[in-house]
Amino acid sequence: MHQTWLDPALATPEDLAACRALLCGGSRSFYAASFLLPRRLHEPATALYAFCRVADDEIDLDGRHRDALGRLSGRLDRIYARRPDPHPADRALAALVAHFEMPRTLLDALLEGFAWDAEGRRYADLSAIYAYSARVAGSVGAMMAVLMGVRSAEAVGRACDLGVAMQLTNIARDVGEDARNGRLYLPEEWLREEGLEPEAWLANPVFSPAIGRVVRRLLRAADVLYAQGDVGIAGLPFSCRPGINAARFIYAEIGRELERLGCDSVRQRAVVPGGRKAALLARILRCSVLPRGCGSILSVPETDFLVEATAWAGAVGPLPGMPRTHTLSGLSLAQIEARAVWVLELFEKLERRDRLRLAELTGGKEVAAAL
């Protein structure tokens, strides 16, 4: 691959190799979808995800979350000044920031979301959940749009929608696991409307039809945002669509599986069976060639600050020099299909690895569920 974005004054191929190794040692699932991105974007995505992983670990493992956030903010100061710390992830991110003109606001938002997560913040209503999701996931959607060279307000807004939708799915899927670790991400307002006191329920997290209705309501909110995200995917360069569609459909299908389980994510965890992965593959490929649209767009104001920081005035599609080719890095349809199957399986493996890592951090309470 021609790494035209990699400024040798800031980072080296060895730094990128170290970033790959870091992710292989315990990556988040969204990294898997980067293997369906064009080759010109796979390495920058690796650099971005590696720094995200380093930041998440530092905040998670430091009991003084605001102190950790301050240290990471200082690292970003030096990255944006082109004087990164001698860490492969910092050097690689410095090269990415310089080449792609990555807005600092997006990374600051992500770090703030990690800090909210680590401090166990609770959320009063759906707007508060959107604000959290905008930081931990909408920011990632906006950063991926930047890497793809798509910076219109419409495209970035829909990228944020997709990230928030995926985070809502995560919350809905992990209700029981989060509760057993003392965390609650469901809107407290919704719980009270169902006659449940959040503190009391968290002390004894059992499934009930009332909890099922709250989970189903969250999935409905996610579905609206998935549909809006489809508009943004339709505007991406063709070569980028399969990877983003893979993430979109895999996460949305988790919601469908939850519904098949009666929205009980307290006693069990939704897993997409292998048989449905084949059907998902067909949809991923079909929607990459014939993108789906959406009716009216419902703005999520909690992501407006991300859009305003990212969008370039007058931008309507991929920036100059970003090809809208109709092949995926020169691959045939059969090769795309084979790679997509591999990515779907990799999602499952990385998900299992992440859960085992969580079990280690929580003293093994979730080992049985992870296995």
Protein backbone atom coordinates (compact mmCIF):
# COMPACT_ATOMS: atom_id res chain seq x y z
CA MET A 1 0.00 0.00 0.00
CA HIS A 2 1.13 3.54 -0.75
CA GLN A 3 0.97 5.31 2.59
CA THR A 4 0.85 8.81 1.13
CA TRP A 5 -0.66 10.15 4.35
CA LEU A 6 2.22 8.98 6.53
CA ASP A 7 4.60 11.90 7.13
CA PRO A 8 8.01 10.35 7.95
CA ALA A 9 8.78 13.35 10.14
CA LEU A 10 5.96 12.29 12.43
CA ALA A 11 5.48 8.52 12.13
CA THR A 12 7.01 5.44 10.52
CA PRO A 13 5.68 2.13 9.16
CA GLU A 14 6.99 0.59 12.38
CA ASP A 15 4.64 2.82 14.34
CA LEU A 16 1.74 1.54 12.26
CA ALA A 17 2.85 -2.05 12.84
CA ALA A 18 2.83 -1.38 16.57
CA CYS A 19 -0.70 0.05 16.29
CA ARG A 20 -1.88 -3.10 14.51
CA ALA A 21 -0.30 -5.27 17.19
CA LEU A 22 -1.99 -3.23 19.90
CA LEU A 23 -5.40 -3.73 18.31
CA CYS A 24 -4.87 -7.42 17.68
CA GLY A 25 -4.21 -7.80 21.41
CA GLY A 26 -7.74 -6.68 22.28
CA SER A 27 -9.53 -4.64 19.64
CA ARG A 28 -13.01 -3.22 19.78
CA SER A 29 -15.41 -4.75 17.30
CA PHE A 30 -15.70 -1.74 15.02
CA TYR A 31 -12.06 -2.25 14.04
CA ALA A 32 -13.09 -5.38 12.17
CA ALA A 33 -15.15 -3.41 9.66
CA SER A 34 -12.06 -1.44 8.64
CA PHE A 35 -10.92 -4.53 6.73
CA LEU A 36 -13.74 -3.83 4.26
CA LEU A 37 -12.58 -0.25 3.75
CA PRO A 38 -10.43 0.67 0.75
CA ARG A 39 -6.76 0.03 1.32
CA ARG A 40 -6.03 3.74 1.35
CA LEU A 41 -8.20 4.04 4.48
CA HIS A 42 -7.38 0.87 6.36
CA GLU A 43 -4.07 2.12 7.78
CA PRO A 44 -5.39 5.54 8.90
CA ALA A 45 -8.35 3.77 10.55
CA THR A 46 -5.86 1.51 12.35
CA ALA A 47 -3.95 4.55 13.63
CA LEU A 48 -7.16 6.20 14.82
CA TYR A 49 -8.50 3.11 16.59
CA ALA A 50 -5.15 2.45 18.26
CA PHE A 51 -5.11 5.85 19.94
CA CYS A 52 -8.76 5.40 20.95
CA ARG A 53 -7.85 2.09 22.57
CA VAL A 54 -4.88 3.59 24.43
CA ALA A 55 -7.04 6.47 25.68
CA ASP A 56 -9.87 4.18 26.79
CA ASP A 57 -7.46 1.94 28.70
CA GLU A 58 -5.76 4.87 30.43
CA ILE A 59 -9.04 6.32 31.67
CA ASP A 60 -10.42 2.89 32.65
CA LEU A 61 -7.36 1.90 34.67
CA ASP A 62 -6.88 5.22 36.49
CA GLY A 63 -9.23 5.75 39.42
CA ARG A 64 -8.85 9.53 39.02
CA HIS A 65 -10.64 9.83 35.71
CA ARG A 66 -10.31 13.59 35.38
CA ASP A 67 -6.56 13.35 35.98
CA ALA A 68 -6.32 10.78 33.20
CA LEU A 69 -8.41 13.01 30.95
CA GLY A 70 -6.04 15.90 31.64
CA ARG A 71 -3.02 13.80 30.72
CA LEU A 72 -4.65 12.64 27.49
CA SER A 73 -5.62 16.21 26.64
CA GLY A 74 -1.96 17.16 27.04
CA ARG A 75 -1.00 14.36 24.66
CA LEU A 76 -3.47 15.73 22.13
CA ASP A 77 -1.97 19.21 22.58
CA ARG A 78 1.41 17.83 21.55
CA ILE A 79 -0.08 15.75 18.73
CA TYR A 80 -1.75 18.80 17.22
CA ALA A 81 1.48 20.80 17.67
CA ARG A 82 3.26 18.08 15.62
CA ARG A 83 5.37 17.13 18.66
CA PRO A 84 3.79 13.82 19.68
CA ASP A 85 4.95 11.78 22.66
CA PRO A 86 7.25 8.86 21.81
CA HIS A 87 4.40 6.37 21.63
CA PRO A 88 3.50 4.66 18.32
CA ALA A 89 -0.20 5.54 18.65
CA ASP A 90 0.60 9.21 19.33
CA ARG A 91 3.01 9.45 16.41
CA ALA A 92 0.63 7.71 14.00
CA LEU A 93 -2.25 9.93 15.11
CA ALA A 94 -0.11 13.04 14.62
CA ALA A 95 0.51 12.02 10.99
CA LEU A 96 -3.22 11.33 10.52
CA VAL A 97 -4.27 14.65 12.07
CA ALA A 98 -1.88 16.59 9.84
CA HIS A 99 -2.85 14.87 6.61
CA PHE A 100 -6.62 14.61 7.05
CA GLU A 101 -7.09 17.85 9.03
CA MET A 102 -8.91 15.97 11.76
CA PRO A 103 -10.85 18.39 13.99
CA ARG A 104 -9.63 18.38 17.59
CA THR A 105 -13.22 18.64 18.82
CA LEU A 106 -13.92 15.05 17.74
CA LEU A 107 -11.11 13.55 19.77
CA ASP A 108 -11.84 15.75 22.77
CA ALA A 109 -15.46 14.58 22.66
CA LEU A 110 -14.41 10.93 22.56
CA LEU A 111 -12.11 11.36 25.56
CA GLU A 112 -14.86 13.10 27.48
CA GLY A 113 -17.22 10.21 26.73
CA PHE A 114 -14.64 7.73 28.02
CA ALA A 115 -14.40 9.75 31.23
CA TRP A 116 -18.20 9.79 31.64
CA ASP A 117 -18.17 6.04 31.17
CA ALA A 118 -15.43 5.44 33.72
CA GLU A 119 -17.03 7.62 36.39
CA GLY A 120 -20.30 5.71 36.11
CA ARG A 121 -22.41 8.68 35.09
CA ARG A 122 -26.17 8.09 34.96
CA TYR A 123 -28.58 9.51 32.38
CA ALA A 124 -31.90 11.13 33.14
CA ASP A 125 -33.57 10.89 29.74
CA LEU A 126 -33.04 10.02 26.08
CA SER A 127 -31.42 13.38 25.38
CA ALA A 128 -28.76 12.61 27.99
CA ILE A 129 -28.21 9.19 26.41
CA TYR A 130 -27.82 10.89 23.03
CA ALA A 131 -25.25 13.28 24.52
CA TYR A 132 -23.22 10.35 25.88
CA SER A 133 -23.57 8.36 22.65
CA ALA A 134 -22.55 11.40 20.59
CA ARG A 135 -19.25 11.44 22.44
CA VAL A 136 -18.34 7.74 22.52
CA ALA A 137 -19.77 6.76 19.11
CA GLY A 138 -21.02 9.76 17.11
CA SER A 139 -17.50 11.19 17.27
CA VAL A 140 -16.16 7.98 15.71
CA GLY A 141 -18.70 8.24 12.89
CA ALA A 142 -17.61 11.82 12.22
CA MET A 143 -13.93 10.83 12.26
CA MET A 144 -14.56 8.06 9.76
CA ALA A 145 -16.35 10.55 7.50
CA VAL A 146 -13.23 12.75 7.65
CA LEU A 147 -11.00 9.81 6.65
CA MET A 148 -13.30 9.13 3.69
CA GLY A 149 -13.10 12.76 2.60
CA VAL A 150 -16.85 13.30 3.06
CA ARG A 151 -17.39 16.52 5.00
CA SER A 152 -20.73 18.00 4.06
CA ALA A 153 -22.97 18.80 7.02
CA GLU A 154 -25.53 16.26 5.77
CA ALA A 155 -22.98 13.45 5.44
CA VAL A 156 -21.35 14.11 8.80
CA GLY A 157 -24.75 14.36 10.50
CA ARG A 158 -25.77 10.98 9.14
CA ALA A 159 -22.40 9.47 10.16
CA CYS A 160 -23.08 10.68 13.69
CA ASP A 161 -26.59 9.20 13.53
CA LEU A 162 -25.13 5.82 12.64
CA GLY A 163 -22.62 5.95 15.49
CA VAL A 164 -25.31 6.90 18.00
CA ALA A 165 -27.60 4.14 16.70
CA MET A 166 -24.88 1.55 17.24
CA GLN A 167 -24.29 2.81 20.77
CA LEU A 168 -28.01 2.57 21.57
CA THR A 169 -27.88 -1.05 20.40
CA ASN A 170 -24.90 -1.67 22.66
CA ILE A 171 -26.79 -0.23 25.63
CA ALA A 172 -29.89 -2.31 24.89
CA ARG A 173 -27.85 -5.51 24.53
CA ASP A 174 -25.77 -5.04 27.69
CA VAL A 175 -28.42 -4.07 30.27
CA GLY A 176 -27.81 -7.05 32.55
CA GLU A 177 -24.05 -7.07 32.17
CA ASP A 178 -23.82 -3.35 32.90
CA ALA A 179 -26.11 -3.64 35.92
CA ARG A 180 -24.06 -6.45 37.43
CA ASN A 181 -21.06 -4.15 37.14
CA GLY A 182 -22.93 -1.34 38.88
CA ARG A 183 -23.68 0.65 35.74
CA LEU A 184 -26.97 1.87 34.34
CA TYR A 185 -27.33 3.44 30.91
CA LEU A 186 -31.10 3.22 30.43
CA PRO A 187 -32.94 6.57 30.63
CA GLU A 188 -34.03 6.88 34.26
CA GLU A 189 -37.13 8.77 33.14
CA TRP A 190 -38.28 5.75 31.13
CA LEU A 191 -37.72 3.42 34.07
CA ARG A 192 -39.84 5.58 36.34
CA GLU A 193 -42.58 5.73 33.72
CA GLU A 194 -42.65 1.91 33.98
CA GLY A 195 -42.91 2.05 37.75
CA LEU A 196 -39.25 1.16 38.38
CA GLU A 197 -37.00 3.14 40.70
CA PRO A 198 -33.53 3.16 39.05
CA GLU A 199 -31.53 2.78 42.27
CA ALA A 200 -33.68 -0.07 43.55
CA TRP A 201 -33.61 -1.89 40.24
CA LEU A 202 -29.83 -1.54 39.97
CA ALA A 203 -29.49 -3.10 43.43
CA ASN A 204 -31.50 -6.11 42.23
CA PRO A 205 -31.37 -6.22 38.41
CA VAL A 206 -34.01 -8.72 37.36
CA PHE A 207 -35.88 -8.92 34.08
CA SER A 208 -39.52 -7.94 33.92
CA PRO A 209 -41.94 -6.94 31.15
CA ALA A 210 -41.37 -3.34 32.24
CA ILE A 211 -37.62 -3.60 31.55
CA GLY A 212 -38.42 -5.31 28.25
CA ARG A 213 -40.55 -2.33 27.21
CA VAL A 214 -37.72 0.10 28.03
CA VAL A 215 -35.26 -1.97 25.97
CA ARG A 216 -37.71 -2.17 23.06
CA ARG A 217 -38.22 1.59 23.20
CA LEU A 218 -34.47 2.13 22.98
CA LEU A 219 -34.25 -0.21 19.98
CA ARG A 220 -36.98 1.81 18.23
CA ALA A 221 -34.94 4.98 18.74
CA ALA A 222 -31.91 3.19 17.29
CA ASP A 223 -33.89 2.02 14.24
CA VAL A 224 -34.81 5.60 13.36
CA LEU A 225 -31.15 6.56 13.41
CA TYR A 226 -30.05 3.48 11.42
CA ALA A 227 -32.48 4.50 8.67
CA GLN A 228 -31.12 8.03 8.71
CA GLY A 229 -27.58 6.68 8.58
CA ASP A 230 -28.49 4.89 5.34
CA VAL A 231 -28.78 8.30 3.68
CA GLY A 232 -25.19 9.08 4.62
CA ILE A 233 -23.93 5.67 3.47
CA ALA A 234 -25.56 6.27 0.07
CA GLY A 235 -23.40 9.38 -0.31
CA LEU A 236 -20.11 7.63 0.44
CA PRO A 237 -17.61 6.60 -2.23
CA PHE A 238 -18.72 3.16 -3.43
CA SER A 239 -15.54 1.54 -2.16
CA CYS A 240 -16.36 2.62 1.41
CA ARG A 241 -19.94 1.36 1.55
CA PRO A 242 -19.43 -2.39 2.22
CA GLY A 243 -17.40 -1.81 5.38
CA ILE A 244 -19.80 0.75 6.82
CA ASN A 245 -22.81 -1.34 5.82
CA ALA A 246 -21.22 -4.35 7.54
CA ALA A 247 -21.10 -2.47 10.83
CA ARG A 248 -24.58 -1.02 10.31
CA PHE A 249 -26.35 -4.32 9.59
CA ILE A 250 -24.47 -6.39 12.16
CA TYR A 251 -25.40 -3.99 14.94
CA ALA A 252 -29.00 -3.55 13.78
CA GLU A 253 -29.41 -7.34 13.67
CA ILE A 254 -28.39 -7.52 17.33
CA GLY A 255 -31.54 -5.49 17.99
CA ARG A 256 -33.66 -7.91 15.99
CA GLU A 257 -32.22 -10.84 17.95
CA LEU A 258 -33.00 -9.03 21.19
CA GLU A 259 -36.61 -8.72 20.05
CA ARG A 260 -36.73 -12.46 19.36
CA LEU A 261 -35.61 -12.94 22.98
CA GLY A 262 -38.45 -10.78 24.26
CA CYS A 263 -36.07 -7.85 24.83
CA ASP A 264 -34.59 -9.71 27.78
CA SER A 265 -30.99 -8.52 27.91
CA VAL A 266 -30.79 -9.00 31.67
CA ARG A 267 -30.63 -12.80 31.82
CA GLN A 268 -29.00 -13.33 28.44
CA ARG A 269 -26.99 -11.59 25.77
CA ALA A 270 -28.14 -11.39 22.17
CA VAL A 271 -25.84 -13.10 19.65
CA VAL A 272 -26.53 -13.16 15.93
CA PRO A 273 -26.67 -16.84 14.82
CA GLY A 274 -24.43 -17.97 11.98
CA GLY A 275 -27.36 -18.72 9.68
CA ARG A 276 -28.52 -15.13 9.69
CA LYS A 277 -25.03 -13.88 8.91
CA ALA A 278 -25.41 -15.24 5.38
CA ALA A 279 -28.62 -13.27 4.93
CA LEU A 280 -26.88 -10.21 6.36
CA LEU A 281 -24.11 -10.57 3.81
CA ALA A 282 -26.60 -10.39 0.96
CA ARG A 283 -28.11 -7.21 2.39
CA ILE A 284 -24.68 -5.66 2.93
CA LEU A 285 -23.71 -6.22 -0.68
CA ARG A 286 -27.10 -5.27 -2.11
CA CYS A 287 -27.31 -2.01 -0.17
CA SER A 288 -23.74 -1.16 -1.12
CA VAL A 289 -24.65 -1.31 -4.80
CA LEU A 290 -28.21 0.03 -4.49
CA PRO A 291 -28.17 2.32 -1.43
CA ARG A 292 -31.37 2.84 0.52
CA GLY A 293 -32.86 6.22 1.24
CA CYS A 294 -34.93 7.62 4.09
CA GLY A 295 -37.92 9.93 4.40
CA SER A 296 -37.74 12.88 6.75
CA ILE A 297 -34.61 13.35 8.83
CA LEU A 298 -35.05 13.95 12.56
CA SER A 299 -32.14 16.02 13.79
CA VAL A 300 -30.28 14.83 16.88
CA PRO A 301 -29.20 18.18 18.36
CA GLU A 302 -26.82 16.46 20.77
CA THR A 303 -24.50 15.79 17.80
CA ASP A 304 -24.66 19.31 16.36
CA PHE A 305 -21.33 20.31 17.91
CA LEU A 306 -19.62 17.43 16.10
CA VAL A 307 -21.15 18.39 12.76
CA GLU A 308 -20.26 22.04 13.18
CA ALA A 309 -16.65 21.18 14.01
CA THR A 310 -16.28 18.80 11.07
CA ALA A 311 -18.30 20.03 8.09
CA TRP A 312 -16.73 22.28 5.51
CA ALA A 313 -18.92 25.01 4.06
CA GLY A 314 -20.01 24.13 0.55
CA ALA A 315 -18.92 20.49 0.71
CA VAL A 316 -21.52 18.23 -0.93
CA GLY A 317 -19.68 14.92 -1.33
CA PRO A 318 -16.21 13.37 -1.33
CA LEU A 319 -13.48 16.00 -1.41
CA PRO A 320 -11.37 16.49 -4.55
CA GLY A 321 -9.00 13.61 -5.08
CA MET A 322 -11.20 11.06 -3.29
CA PRO A 323 -12.27 8.58 -6.00
CA ARG A 324 -15.86 7.35 -6.29
CA THR A 325 -14.82 4.07 -7.87
CA HIS A 326 -17.17 1.15 -8.40
CA THR A 327 -14.78 -1.50 -7.16
CA LEU A 328 -13.49 -2.20 -3.69
CA SER A 329 -9.77 -1.67 -4.03
CA GLY A 330 -9.87 -3.53 -7.34
CA LEU A 331 -11.61 -6.59 -5.88
CA SER A 332 -14.21 -8.60 -7.76
CA LEU A 333 -17.70 -9.13 -6.32
CA ALA A 334 -16.73 -12.67 -5.33
CA GLN A 335 -13.66 -11.35 -3.51
CA ILE A 336 -15.76 -8.72 -1.75
CA GLU A 337 -18.16 -11.46 -0.64
CA ALA A 338 -15.33 -13.63 0.67
CA ARG A 339 -13.85 -10.73 2.60
CA ALA A 340 -17.24 -9.78 4.00
CA VAL A 341 -17.76 -13.33 5.31
CA TRP A 342 -14.37 -13.11 6.98
CA VAL A 343 -15.24 -9.76 8.56
CA LEU A 344 -18.53 -11.09 9.95
CA GLU A 345 -16.66 -13.94 11.62
CA LEU A 346 -13.98 -11.57 12.88
CA PHE A 347 -16.64 -9.40 14.54
CA GLU A 348 -17.71 -12.45 16.54
CA LYS A 349 -14.16 -13.33 17.57
CA LEU A 350 -13.33 -9.79 18.63
CA GLU A 351 -16.58 -9.53 20.57
CA ARG A 352 -15.65 -12.68 22.48
CA ARG A 353 -12.16 -11.29 23.17
CA ASP A 354 -13.56 -7.99 24.45
CA ARG A 355 -15.90 -9.82 26.82
CA LEU A 356 -13.06 -11.92 28.20
CA ARG A 357 -11.08 -8.73 28.77
CA LEU A 358 -14.04 -7.24 30.63
CA ALA A 359 -14.24 -10.38 32.75
CA GLU A 360 -10.59 -9.96 33.76
CA LEU A 361 -11.19 -6.33 34.75
CA THR A 362 -14.30 -7.22 36.79
CA GLY A 363 -12.81 -10.17 38.66
CA GLY A 364 -14.32 -12.84 36.45
CA LYS A 365 -17.99 -12.07 37.15
CA GLU A 366 -18.84 -12.24 33.47
CA VAL A 367 -16.64 -15.19 32.47
CA ALA A 368 -19.53 -17.60 32.13
CA ALA A 369 -21.44 -15.21 29.89
CA ALA A 370 -18.35 -14.57 27.80
CA LEU A 371 -17.89 -18.27 27.16
